[in-house]
Each structure stands twice: as structure tokens, then as C-alpha cells.
Amino acid sequence: MEAFWISLGAIFLAELGDKSQLMAMTFATRYKAWVVLTGITVATTVVHLGSVAIGGLIGDALPTTAISIVAGLAFIGFAAWTLRGDELTEEESRKAQRATRSALIAVTVAFFLSELGDKTMLATITLATQYGWVGTWIGSTVGMVAADALAIVVGRMLGRNLPEKAVRYGAAAAFAIFGVVMLADAFL
């Protein structure tokens, strides 16, 4: 359960202000919310399963102290990445707008491709080096889907008047705190 809750919280925060939330809002303006959430869930489930597999292999191969140091530095890096912000490129926005065949397939493929190498994937790999793979996988998947669901709901309610800077700074602070705690655990 510890892996589940930590992963859920970390990935939820990582997703705040991420381009995936922008994609979710864009798709939700064109398709039903349940179709968008189903596509996000399928893509996230697959990407995060691969992420925890990679994290598990790395975790078994490296000593615990080294993993804690790398994980702490990674989370501090995620904080800086979050401060920098993510934006939906023109091409990604056009793809979201013109997908007309199967909405579910379009959303699933778009999210799958956008998550490869994204900070939530890297954070899931990092978490899997420290915690059990099943809890990390389920927690990270639920955290990402919940954050994107929130983006859809809030986006529909508030339009484009989201407090993006406040969300970005809050998520960056949380990542920095996770990183400092992991580094402290490694050295104490």
C-alpha cells in the first residue's frame, strides 16, 4: 500500500501542468469525457507497466544508497522540469483536433506516444526502483488518470482561466520536497 499511495501522490503532482493535461482538455472538447479517460487509462496502464519493469530491473542491479541518491536528484530535476513547464506543440494540438476515425484509438495512441520519455514515465521508473512494482504501477496509473480527469473537469468548468503558475509552482515544490527527503534518507 505504501508504494500505491506514494506513487499516486507523486504522479498526480507530476501530471499537474503537464502537456498530457492539455491534451486531455483538447480531446475533451471534441469527444465525450469517458472516451478520453478510457484512452488515457489504457495508454497509461501500458506505459507505466513498462516503466515499473525498467525500474524493477534497475532497482535490483544497483545498491540501495545509490538508488536513493539518484532518485532524490531525479525528483529535484523533475521539480526544475515542472517549473520550466510543458506546452502542447502546434502539431500535437492539430493531431488532437483532426482525429476523427475512432476517438478511443486516437486518444489512446496520442497519450501512449506523448508519455514515452515524459517526466511521469521517468518518475514511475524512479519510484519502482524504491517500491514494489504492483503498488507503483497501480498508484502511478491512478494518479495520472486522476490528474487528467481533474484537468478535464476543471477545464470544462473554468475554460482557459486555470491558475497555471500556481499549479506549476506547487507541483515543483512537492517534487523538490520528495527529492530532498530521498537524499536525506540516503545520507542519514
N, C-alpha and C. Protein backbone atom coordinates (compact mmCIF):
# COMPACT_ATOMS: atom_id res chain seq x y z
N MET A 1 0.82 -1.21 0.00
CA MET A 1 0.00 0.00 0.00
C MET A 1 0.86 1.27 0.00
N GLU A 2 2.02 1.19 0.64
CA GLU A 2 2.90 2.36 0.67
C GLU A 2 3.29 2.76 -0.76
N ALA A 3 3.66 1.77 -1.57
CA ALA A 3 4.04 2.05 -2.96
C ALA A 3 2.88 2.68 -3.72
N PHE A 4 1.68 2.17 -3.48
CA PHE A 4 0.49 2.70 -4.16
C PHE A 4 0.29 4.17 -3.82
N TRP A 5 0.25 4.50 -2.53
CA TRP A 5 -0.05 5.88 -2.12
C TRP A 5 1.05 6.86 -2.51
N ILE A 6 2.30 6.46 -2.34
CA ILE A 6 3.40 7.35 -2.72
C ILE A 6 3.39 7.58 -4.23
N SER A 7 3.20 6.52 -4.99
CA SER A 7 3.17 6.65 -6.45
C SER A 7 1.98 7.47 -6.92
N LEU A 8 0.83 7.23 -6.33
CA LEU A 8 -0.36 8.00 -6.69
C LEU A 8 -0.11 9.49 -6.47
N GLY A 9 0.40 9.84 -5.29
CA GLY A 9 0.65 11.25 -4.98
C GLY A 9 1.72 11.87 -5.86
N ALA A 10 2.83 11.16 -6.05
CA ALA A 10 3.93 11.70 -6.84
C ALA A 10 3.53 11.89 -8.30
N ILE A 11 2.86 10.92 -8.87
CA ILE A 11 2.48 11.01 -10.28
C ILE A 11 1.35 12.01 -10.48
N PHE A 12 0.43 12.08 -9.54
CA PHE A 12 -0.62 13.09 -9.62
C PHE A 12 0.01 14.47 -9.69
N LEU A 13 0.98 14.72 -8.81
CA LEU A 13 1.67 16.02 -8.80
C LEU A 13 2.49 16.22 -10.07
N ALA A 14 3.13 15.16 -10.55
CA ALA A 14 3.94 15.27 -11.76
C ALA A 14 3.08 15.64 -12.97
N GLU A 15 1.86 15.17 -12.96
CA GLU A 15 0.97 15.40 -14.10
C GLU A 15 0.39 16.81 -14.12
N LEU A 16 0.37 17.47 -12.97
CA LEU A 16 -0.20 18.82 -12.91
C LEU A 16 0.61 19.76 -13.79
N GLY A 17 -0.05 20.40 -14.73
CA GLY A 17 0.60 21.32 -15.64
C GLY A 17 1.35 20.65 -16.77
N ASP A 18 1.25 19.33 -16.89
CA ASP A 18 1.94 18.59 -17.94
C ASP A 18 1.18 18.70 -19.26
N LYS A 19 1.87 18.46 -20.36
CA LYS A 19 1.21 18.54 -21.66
C LYS A 19 0.09 17.52 -21.80
N SER A 20 0.16 16.43 -21.05
CA SER A 20 -0.92 15.43 -21.11
C SER A 20 -2.24 16.02 -20.64
N GLN A 21 -2.17 16.90 -19.65
CA GLN A 21 -3.40 17.56 -19.21
C GLN A 21 -3.95 18.46 -20.31
N LEU A 22 -3.07 19.13 -21.01
CA LEU A 22 -3.51 19.97 -22.12
C LEU A 22 -4.13 19.11 -23.22
N MET A 23 -3.54 17.96 -23.48
CA MET A 23 -4.11 17.04 -24.47
C MET A 23 -5.47 16.54 -24.01
N ALA A 24 -5.59 16.21 -22.73
CA ALA A 24 -6.87 15.72 -22.20
C ALA A 24 -7.95 16.77 -22.38
N MET A 25 -7.63 18.02 -22.07
CA MET A 25 -8.61 19.11 -22.24
C MET A 25 -8.97 19.29 -23.71
N THR A 26 -7.96 19.19 -24.58
CA THR A 26 -8.22 19.35 -26.01
C THR A 26 -9.12 18.24 -26.53
N PHE A 27 -8.79 17.00 -26.19
CA PHE A 27 -9.63 15.89 -26.62
C PHE A 27 -11.03 15.98 -26.04
N ALA A 28 -11.14 16.44 -24.80
CA ALA A 28 -12.45 16.52 -24.14
C ALA A 28 -13.35 17.58 -24.77
N THR A 29 -12.77 18.53 -25.49
CA THR A 29 -13.63 19.50 -26.17
C THR A 29 -14.26 18.89 -27.41
N ARG A 30 -13.69 17.79 -27.88
CA ARG A 30 -14.19 17.15 -29.09
C ARG A 30 -14.93 15.84 -28.83
N TYR A 31 -14.49 15.08 -27.83
CA TYR A 31 -15.06 13.76 -27.54
C TYR A 31 -15.65 13.72 -26.13
N LYS A 32 -16.43 12.70 -25.89
CA LYS A 32 -17.02 12.52 -24.56
C LYS A 32 -15.91 12.26 -23.54
N ALA A 33 -16.10 12.77 -22.33
CA ALA A 33 -15.08 12.65 -21.29
C ALA A 33 -14.73 11.19 -21.00
N TRP A 34 -15.73 10.30 -20.99
CA TRP A 34 -15.44 8.89 -20.67
C TRP A 34 -14.56 8.25 -21.74
N VAL A 35 -14.69 8.67 -23.00
CA VAL A 35 -13.85 8.14 -24.07
C VAL A 35 -12.40 8.60 -23.85
N VAL A 36 -12.24 9.87 -23.52
CA VAL A 36 -10.92 10.42 -23.28
C VAL A 36 -10.27 9.73 -22.07
N LEU A 37 -11.01 9.58 -20.99
CA LEU A 37 -10.47 8.93 -19.79
C LEU A 37 -10.13 7.46 -20.04
N THR A 38 -10.93 6.78 -20.83
CA THR A 38 -10.64 5.38 -21.15
C THR A 38 -9.34 5.29 -21.96
N GLY A 39 -9.18 6.16 -22.95
CA GLY A 39 -7.95 6.18 -23.74
C GLY A 39 -6.73 6.49 -22.89
N ILE A 40 -6.88 7.45 -22.01
CA ILE A 40 -5.78 7.81 -21.09
C ILE A 40 -5.43 6.62 -20.21
N THR A 41 -6.45 5.95 -19.69
CA THR A 41 -6.23 4.81 -18.79
C THR A 41 -5.51 3.67 -19.50
N VAL A 42 -5.94 3.34 -20.71
CA VAL A 42 -5.29 2.25 -21.46
C VAL A 42 -3.83 2.61 -21.74
N ALA A 43 -3.59 3.80 -22.26
CA ALA A 43 -2.22 4.20 -22.58
C ALA A 43 -1.34 4.24 -21.34
N THR A 44 -1.86 4.82 -20.28
CA THR A 44 -1.08 4.94 -19.04
C THR A 44 -0.78 3.58 -18.44
N THR A 45 -1.74 2.69 -18.47
CA THR A 45 -1.54 1.34 -17.93
C THR A 45 -0.38 0.65 -18.63
N VAL A 46 -0.33 0.75 -19.94
CA VAL A 46 0.73 0.10 -20.70
C VAL A 46 2.08 0.78 -20.47
N VAL A 47 2.13 2.09 -20.58
CA VAL A 47 3.39 2.81 -20.41
C VAL A 47 3.95 2.61 -19.00
N HIS A 48 3.10 2.69 -18.00
CA HIS A 48 3.58 2.57 -16.63
C HIS A 48 3.95 1.13 -16.26
N LEU A 49 3.34 0.14 -16.92
CA LEU A 49 3.78 -1.24 -16.71
C LEU A 49 5.21 -1.40 -17.20
N GLY A 50 5.50 -0.86 -18.37
CA GLY A 50 6.87 -0.88 -18.87
C GLY A 50 7.82 -0.11 -17.97
N SER A 51 7.34 1.01 -17.44
CA SER A 51 8.17 1.84 -16.56
C SER A 51 8.55 1.10 -15.28
N VAL A 52 7.59 0.42 -14.66
CA VAL A 52 7.92 -0.29 -13.42
C VAL A 52 8.81 -1.50 -13.70
N ALA A 53 8.69 -2.09 -14.88
CA ALA A 53 9.59 -3.19 -15.24
C ALA A 53 11.02 -2.67 -15.34
N ILE A 54 11.20 -1.54 -16.00
CA ILE A 54 12.53 -0.93 -16.11
C ILE A 54 13.04 -0.55 -14.72
N GLY A 55 12.19 0.09 -13.92
CA GLY A 55 12.58 0.49 -12.56
C GLY A 55 12.95 -0.70 -11.70
N GLY A 56 12.19 -1.80 -11.83
CA GLY A 56 12.49 -3.00 -11.05
C GLY A 56 13.85 -3.59 -11.42
N LEU A 57 14.17 -3.61 -12.70
CA LEU A 57 15.47 -4.13 -13.15
C LEU A 57 16.60 -3.25 -12.64
N ILE A 58 16.42 -1.95 -12.73
CA ILE A 58 17.45 -1.02 -12.24
C ILE A 58 17.59 -1.17 -10.73
N GLY A 59 16.46 -1.27 -10.03
CA GLY A 59 16.48 -1.38 -8.58
C GLY A 59 17.19 -2.62 -8.09
N ASP A 60 17.04 -3.73 -8.84
CA ASP A 60 17.70 -4.97 -8.44
C ASP A 60 19.20 -4.94 -8.73
N ALA A 61 19.61 -4.13 -9.70
CA ALA A 61 21.00 -4.12 -10.13
C ALA A 61 21.89 -3.15 -9.34
N LEU A 62 21.29 -2.15 -8.71
CA LEU A 62 22.07 -1.12 -8.03
C LEU A 62 21.90 -1.19 -6.51
N PRO A 63 22.91 -0.75 -5.77
CA PRO A 63 22.79 -0.71 -4.30
C PRO A 63 21.76 0.34 -3.86
N THR A 64 21.14 0.10 -2.74
CA THR A 64 20.05 0.93 -2.24
C THR A 64 20.46 2.39 -2.05
N THR A 65 21.63 2.66 -1.49
CA THR A 65 22.06 4.04 -1.28
C THR A 65 22.21 4.78 -2.60
N ALA A 66 22.81 4.13 -3.57
CA ALA A 66 22.98 4.76 -4.89
C ALA A 66 21.62 5.07 -5.51
N ILE A 67 20.68 4.15 -5.37
CA ILE A 67 19.33 4.36 -5.91
C ILE A 67 18.68 5.56 -5.23
N SER A 68 18.81 5.65 -3.92
CA SER A 68 18.20 6.77 -3.18
C SER A 68 18.79 8.10 -3.61
N ILE A 69 20.09 8.14 -3.82
CA ILE A 69 20.74 9.38 -4.26
C ILE A 69 20.26 9.77 -5.66
N VAL A 70 20.27 8.81 -6.56
CA VAL A 70 19.83 9.08 -7.94
C VAL A 70 18.35 9.48 -7.95
N ALA A 71 17.54 8.77 -7.16
CA ALA A 71 16.10 9.09 -7.11
C ALA A 71 15.88 10.49 -6.55
N GLY A 72 16.60 10.85 -5.49
CA GLY A 72 16.48 12.19 -4.92
C GLY A 72 16.86 13.27 -5.91
N LEU A 73 17.98 13.05 -6.61
CA LEU A 73 18.41 14.01 -7.63
C LEU A 73 17.41 14.06 -8.79
N ALA A 74 16.85 12.91 -9.14
CA ALA A 74 15.86 12.87 -10.22
C ALA A 74 14.63 13.70 -9.85
N PHE A 75 14.16 13.56 -8.62
CA PHE A 75 12.98 14.32 -8.21
C PHE A 75 13.27 15.82 -8.15
N ILE A 76 14.48 16.19 -7.77
CA ILE A 76 14.84 17.61 -7.83
C ILE A 76 14.88 18.07 -9.29
N GLY A 77 15.36 17.21 -10.16
CA GLY A 77 15.32 17.51 -11.60
C GLY A 77 13.89 17.63 -12.11
N PHE A 78 12.98 16.76 -11.62
CA PHE A 78 11.57 16.85 -12.01
C PHE A 78 10.97 18.18 -11.54
N ALA A 79 11.43 18.66 -10.38
CA ALA A 79 10.95 19.96 -9.89
C ALA A 79 11.35 21.07 -10.86
N ALA A 80 12.60 21.03 -11.31
CA ALA A 80 13.05 22.05 -12.27
C ALA A 80 12.30 21.92 -13.59
N TRP A 81 12.08 20.68 -14.03
CA TRP A 81 11.34 20.43 -15.27
C TRP A 81 9.92 20.98 -15.17
N THR A 82 9.31 20.78 -14.01
CA THR A 82 7.95 21.27 -13.78
C THR A 82 7.91 22.79 -13.79
N LEU A 83 8.91 23.42 -13.19
CA LEU A 83 8.98 24.89 -13.21
C LEU A 83 9.10 25.42 -14.63
N ARG A 84 9.85 24.72 -15.44
CA ARG A 84 10.01 25.12 -16.84
C ARG A 84 8.68 25.04 -17.57
N GLY A 85 7.88 24.03 -17.23
CA GLY A 85 6.56 23.89 -17.83
C GLY A 85 6.58 23.09 -19.11
N ASP A 86 5.42 22.58 -19.46
CA ASP A 86 5.21 21.82 -20.68
C ASP A 86 4.16 22.53 -21.50
N GLU A 87 4.33 22.53 -22.78
CA GLU A 87 3.32 23.13 -23.65
C GLU A 87 2.98 22.16 -24.75
N LEU A 88 1.74 22.20 -25.18
CA LEU A 88 1.28 21.40 -26.29
C LEU A 88 1.76 22.07 -27.57
N THR A 89 2.52 21.33 -28.37
CA THR A 89 3.02 21.91 -29.61
C THR A 89 1.87 22.05 -30.61
N GLU A 90 2.11 22.85 -31.63
CA GLU A 90 1.09 23.03 -32.68
C GLU A 90 0.74 21.69 -33.32
N GLU A 91 1.75 20.87 -33.58
CA GLU A 91 1.50 19.56 -34.22
C GLU A 91 0.65 18.67 -33.32
N GLU A 92 0.98 18.61 -32.02
CA GLU A 92 0.19 17.80 -31.09
C GLU A 92 -1.24 18.31 -31.01
N SER A 93 -1.41 19.61 -31.01
CA SER A 93 -2.75 20.19 -30.97
C SER A 93 -3.54 19.85 -32.24
N ARG A 94 -2.88 19.92 -33.39
CA ARG A 94 -3.55 19.58 -34.66
C ARG A 94 -3.96 18.12 -34.68
N LYS A 95 -3.09 17.23 -34.18
CA LYS A 95 -3.42 15.80 -34.14
C LYS A 95 -4.65 15.57 -33.27
N ALA A 96 -4.71 16.23 -32.13
CA ALA A 96 -5.86 16.07 -31.23
C ALA A 96 -7.13 16.58 -31.90
N GLN A 97 -7.04 17.64 -32.69
CA GLN A 97 -8.22 18.23 -33.31
C GLN A 97 -8.71 17.42 -34.51
N ARG A 98 -7.81 16.81 -35.28
CA ARG A 98 -8.24 16.18 -36.52
C ARG A 98 -8.51 14.68 -36.41
N ALA A 99 -8.28 14.09 -35.26
CA ALA A 99 -8.55 12.66 -35.08
C ALA A 99 -10.05 12.43 -35.18
N THR A 100 -10.47 11.73 -36.24
CA THR A 100 -11.91 11.58 -36.45
C THR A 100 -12.38 10.14 -36.52
N ARG A 101 -11.54 9.18 -36.86
CA ARG A 101 -11.99 7.81 -37.01
C ARG A 101 -12.52 7.26 -35.71
N SER A 102 -11.66 6.70 -34.95
CA SER A 102 -12.08 6.14 -33.67
C SER A 102 -11.50 7.01 -32.56
N ALA A 103 -12.37 7.66 -31.85
CA ALA A 103 -11.91 8.56 -30.78
C ALA A 103 -11.07 7.81 -29.76
N LEU A 104 -11.51 6.65 -29.37
CA LEU A 104 -10.78 5.88 -28.35
C LEU A 104 -9.38 5.52 -28.83
N ILE A 105 -9.26 5.06 -30.06
CA ILE A 105 -7.95 4.70 -30.59
C ILE A 105 -7.08 5.96 -30.72
N ALA A 106 -7.66 7.04 -31.19
CA ALA A 106 -6.90 8.28 -31.35
C ALA A 106 -6.36 8.77 -30.01
N VAL A 107 -7.20 8.77 -28.99
CA VAL A 107 -6.77 9.24 -27.67
C VAL A 107 -5.71 8.30 -27.09
N THR A 108 -5.95 7.00 -27.20
CA THR A 108 -5.01 6.03 -26.64
C THR A 108 -3.63 6.15 -27.28
N VAL A 109 -3.58 6.19 -28.60
CA VAL A 109 -2.30 6.29 -29.31
C VAL A 109 -1.61 7.62 -29.00
N ALA A 110 -2.37 8.70 -29.00
CA ALA A 110 -1.78 10.01 -28.71
C ALA A 110 -1.17 10.05 -27.31
N PHE A 111 -1.89 9.53 -26.33
CA PHE A 111 -1.36 9.53 -24.96
C PHE A 111 -0.20 8.58 -24.80
N PHE A 112 -0.27 7.42 -25.44
CA PHE A 112 0.83 6.47 -25.36
C PHE A 112 2.11 7.12 -25.88
N LEU A 113 2.04 7.71 -27.05
CA LEU A 113 3.23 8.32 -27.64
C LEU A 113 3.72 9.53 -26.85
N SER A 114 2.79 10.31 -26.32
CA SER A 114 3.22 11.50 -25.58
C SER A 114 3.85 11.16 -24.23
N GLU A 115 3.52 10.00 -23.68
CA GLU A 115 4.06 9.61 -22.38
C GLU A 115 5.43 8.97 -22.46
N LEU A 116 5.81 8.47 -23.62
CA LEU A 116 7.13 7.85 -23.74
C LEU A 116 8.21 8.90 -23.50
N GLY A 117 9.01 8.69 -22.46
CA GLY A 117 10.07 9.62 -22.11
C GLY A 117 9.61 10.84 -21.35
N ASP A 118 8.32 10.92 -21.03
CA ASP A 118 7.79 12.06 -20.29
C ASP A 118 8.20 11.97 -18.81
N LYS A 119 8.06 13.08 -18.10
CA LYS A 119 8.51 13.08 -16.70
C LYS A 119 7.70 12.11 -15.84
N THR A 120 6.43 11.85 -16.17
CA THR A 120 5.66 10.89 -15.37
C THR A 120 6.18 9.47 -15.59
N MET A 121 6.63 9.16 -16.80
CA MET A 121 7.23 7.85 -17.05
C MET A 121 8.53 7.72 -16.28
N LEU A 122 9.36 8.76 -16.34
CA LEU A 122 10.64 8.73 -15.62
C LEU A 122 10.43 8.69 -14.11
N ALA A 123 9.42 9.42 -13.63
CA ALA A 123 9.13 9.38 -12.19
C ALA A 123 8.65 7.98 -11.78
N THR A 124 7.86 7.33 -12.63
CA THR A 124 7.40 5.97 -12.32
C THR A 124 8.58 5.00 -12.28
N ILE A 125 9.50 5.13 -13.21
CA ILE A 125 10.71 4.29 -13.19
C ILE A 125 11.46 4.52 -11.89
N THR A 126 11.62 5.78 -11.52
CA THR A 126 12.34 6.12 -10.29
C THR A 126 11.65 5.53 -9.07
N LEU A 127 10.33 5.67 -8.99
CA LEU A 127 9.58 5.12 -7.85
C LEU A 127 9.69 3.60 -7.79
N ALA A 128 9.70 2.95 -8.96
CA ALA A 128 9.77 1.49 -8.99
C ALA A 128 11.12 0.96 -8.52
N THR A 129 12.16 1.80 -8.54
CA THR A 129 13.45 1.37 -8.00
C THR A 129 13.41 1.30 -6.47
N GLN A 130 12.45 2.00 -5.88
CA GLN A 130 12.37 2.10 -4.42
C GLN A 130 11.25 1.25 -3.81
N TYR A 131 10.17 1.03 -4.56
CA TYR A 131 8.97 0.41 -4.00
C TYR A 131 8.55 -0.77 -4.86
N GLY A 132 7.59 -1.53 -4.37
CA GLY A 132 7.08 -2.68 -5.10
C GLY A 132 6.45 -2.29 -6.43
N TRP A 133 6.63 -3.14 -7.45
CA TRP A 133 6.18 -2.80 -8.79
C TRP A 133 4.67 -2.75 -8.92
N VAL A 134 3.94 -3.64 -8.26
CA VAL A 134 2.48 -3.65 -8.41
C VAL A 134 1.87 -2.38 -7.84
N GLY A 135 2.26 -2.03 -6.62
CA GLY A 135 1.73 -0.81 -5.99
C GLY A 135 2.13 0.43 -6.75
N THR A 136 3.37 0.45 -7.24
CA THR A 136 3.84 1.60 -8.02
C THR A 136 3.07 1.70 -9.34
N TRP A 137 2.87 0.58 -10.00
CA TRP A 137 2.16 0.56 -11.28
C TRP A 137 0.72 1.04 -11.12
N ILE A 138 0.02 0.47 -10.16
CA ILE A 138 -1.39 0.84 -9.96
C ILE A 138 -1.48 2.29 -9.46
N GLY A 139 -0.64 2.66 -8.49
CA GLY A 139 -0.68 4.01 -7.94
C GLY A 139 -0.34 5.06 -8.98
N SER A 140 0.69 4.80 -9.80
CA SER A 140 1.07 5.78 -10.81
C SER A 140 0.00 5.91 -11.89
N THR A 141 -0.63 4.81 -12.24
CA THR A 141 -1.70 4.84 -13.24
C THR A 141 -2.90 5.61 -12.71
N VAL A 142 -3.31 5.31 -11.49
CA VAL A 142 -4.45 6.01 -10.89
C VAL A 142 -4.14 7.49 -10.71
N GLY A 143 -2.92 7.82 -10.28
CA GLY A 143 -2.53 9.22 -10.10
C GLY A 143 -2.59 10.00 -11.40
N MET A 144 -2.12 9.40 -12.49
CA MET A 144 -2.13 10.11 -13.77
C MET A 144 -3.56 10.28 -14.29
N VAL A 145 -4.34 9.21 -14.23
CA VAL A 145 -5.72 9.30 -14.72
C VAL A 145 -6.51 10.31 -13.88
N ALA A 146 -6.29 10.32 -12.57
CA ALA A 146 -7.00 11.27 -11.71
C ALA A 146 -6.62 12.71 -12.04
N ALA A 147 -5.34 12.96 -12.28
CA ALA A 147 -4.90 14.32 -12.63
C ALA A 147 -5.48 14.76 -13.96
N ASP A 148 -5.51 13.85 -14.93
CA ASP A 148 -6.08 14.20 -16.23
C ASP A 148 -7.59 14.35 -16.16
N ALA A 149 -8.24 13.55 -15.33
CA ALA A 149 -9.69 13.70 -15.13
C ALA A 149 -9.99 15.06 -14.50
N LEU A 150 -9.17 15.45 -13.53
CA LEU A 150 -9.32 16.76 -12.92
C LEU A 150 -9.15 17.87 -13.95
N ALA A 151 -8.18 17.71 -14.83
CA ALA A 151 -7.96 18.70 -15.89
C ALA A 151 -9.18 18.83 -16.79
N ILE A 152 -9.80 17.71 -17.10
CA ILE A 152 -10.98 17.74 -17.96
C ILE A 152 -12.13 18.46 -17.26
N VAL A 153 -12.36 18.10 -16.01
CA VAL A 153 -13.46 18.72 -15.25
C VAL A 153 -13.22 20.21 -15.04
N VAL A 154 -12.04 20.54 -14.55
CA VAL A 154 -11.73 21.94 -14.28
C VAL A 154 -11.70 22.73 -15.59
N GLY A 155 -11.14 22.13 -16.61
CA GLY A 155 -11.07 22.80 -17.90
C GLY A 155 -12.45 23.11 -18.46
N ARG A 156 -13.37 22.19 -18.29
CA ARG A 156 -14.73 22.44 -18.76
C ARG A 156 -15.43 23.49 -17.91
N MET A 157 -15.13 23.52 -16.62
CA MET A 157 -15.78 24.48 -15.73
C MET A 157 -15.20 25.88 -15.87
N LEU A 158 -13.89 25.96 -15.99
CA LEU A 158 -13.24 27.27 -15.98
C LEU A 158 -12.71 27.73 -17.33
N GLY A 159 -12.83 26.89 -18.32
CA GLY A 159 -12.29 27.27 -19.63
C GLY A 159 -10.79 27.35 -19.56
N ARG A 160 -10.21 28.39 -20.06
CA ARG A 160 -8.75 28.52 -20.09
C ARG A 160 -8.22 29.41 -18.96
N ASN A 161 -9.02 29.67 -17.94
CA ASN A 161 -8.61 30.54 -16.85
C ASN A 161 -8.02 29.76 -15.68
N LEU A 162 -7.26 28.72 -15.96
CA LEU A 162 -6.64 27.93 -14.91
C LEU A 162 -5.43 28.67 -14.34
N PRO A 163 -5.23 28.59 -13.03
CA PRO A 163 -4.06 29.25 -12.42
C PRO A 163 -2.80 28.42 -12.68
N GLU A 164 -2.32 28.46 -13.93
CA GLU A 164 -1.23 27.59 -14.36
C GLU A 164 0.04 27.79 -13.53
N LYS A 165 0.40 29.03 -13.23
CA LYS A 165 1.62 29.27 -12.45
C LYS A 165 1.52 28.68 -11.05
N ALA A 166 0.39 28.86 -10.40
CA ALA A 166 0.23 28.33 -9.04
C ALA A 166 0.32 26.81 -9.05
N VAL A 167 -0.31 26.18 -10.03
CA VAL A 167 -0.26 24.72 -10.14
C VAL A 167 1.18 24.28 -10.40
N ARG A 168 1.86 24.95 -11.30
CA ARG A 168 3.23 24.58 -11.64
C ARG A 168 4.15 24.74 -10.44
N TYR A 169 4.05 25.86 -9.72
CA TYR A 169 4.92 26.09 -8.56
C TYR A 169 4.64 25.09 -7.43
N GLY A 170 3.37 24.79 -7.22
CA GLY A 170 3.01 23.81 -6.18
C GLY A 170 3.55 22.43 -6.49
N ALA A 171 3.41 22.00 -7.73
CA ALA A 171 3.92 20.68 -8.14
C ALA A 171 5.44 20.65 -8.05
N ALA A 172 6.11 21.72 -8.48
CA ALA A 172 7.57 21.78 -8.41
C ALA A 172 8.05 21.72 -6.96
N ALA A 173 7.36 22.42 -6.08
CA ALA A 173 7.73 22.39 -4.66
C ALA A 173 7.59 20.97 -4.09
N ALA A 174 6.51 20.30 -4.46
CA ALA A 174 6.30 18.94 -3.97
C ALA A 174 7.40 18.01 -4.48
N PHE A 175 7.79 18.13 -5.74
CA PHE A 175 8.89 17.33 -6.27
C PHE A 175 10.18 17.61 -5.54
N ALA A 176 10.46 18.88 -5.29
CA ALA A 176 11.69 19.25 -4.58
C ALA A 176 11.69 18.64 -3.18
N ILE A 177 10.56 18.66 -2.52
CA ILE A 177 10.46 18.07 -1.17
C ILE A 177 10.71 16.57 -1.23
N PHE A 178 10.08 15.87 -2.21
CA PHE A 178 10.33 14.43 -2.38
C PHE A 178 11.82 14.18 -2.58
N GLY A 179 12.46 14.99 -3.43
CA GLY A 179 13.87 14.81 -3.71
C GLY A 179 14.74 15.01 -2.49
N VAL A 180 14.48 16.05 -1.71
CA VAL A 180 15.26 16.33 -0.50
C VAL A 180 15.07 15.21 0.52
N VAL A 181 13.85 14.74 0.68
CA VAL A 181 13.58 13.63 1.62
C VAL A 181 14.34 12.38 1.20
N MET A 182 14.33 12.06 -0.09
CA MET A 182 15.06 10.87 -0.57
C MET A 182 16.55 11.01 -0.36
N LEU A 183 17.09 12.21 -0.62
CA LEU A 183 18.51 12.44 -0.40
C LEU A 183 18.85 12.34 1.09
N ALA A 184 17.99 12.89 1.92
CA ALA A 184 18.22 12.81 3.37
C ALA A 184 18.22 11.35 3.84
N ASP A 185 17.29 10.56 3.31
CA ASP A 185 17.25 9.14 3.67
C ASP A 185 18.52 8.43 3.24
N ALA A 186 19.07 8.81 2.11
CA ALA A 186 20.27 8.16 1.60
C ALA A 186 21.49 8.47 2.46
N PHE A 187 21.54 9.69 2.98
CA PHE A 187 22.73 10.09 3.71
C PHE A 187 22.60 9.96 5.23
N LEU A 188 21.42 9.72 5.73
CA LEU A 188 21.25 9.61 7.18
C LEU A 188 21.07 8.20 7.64
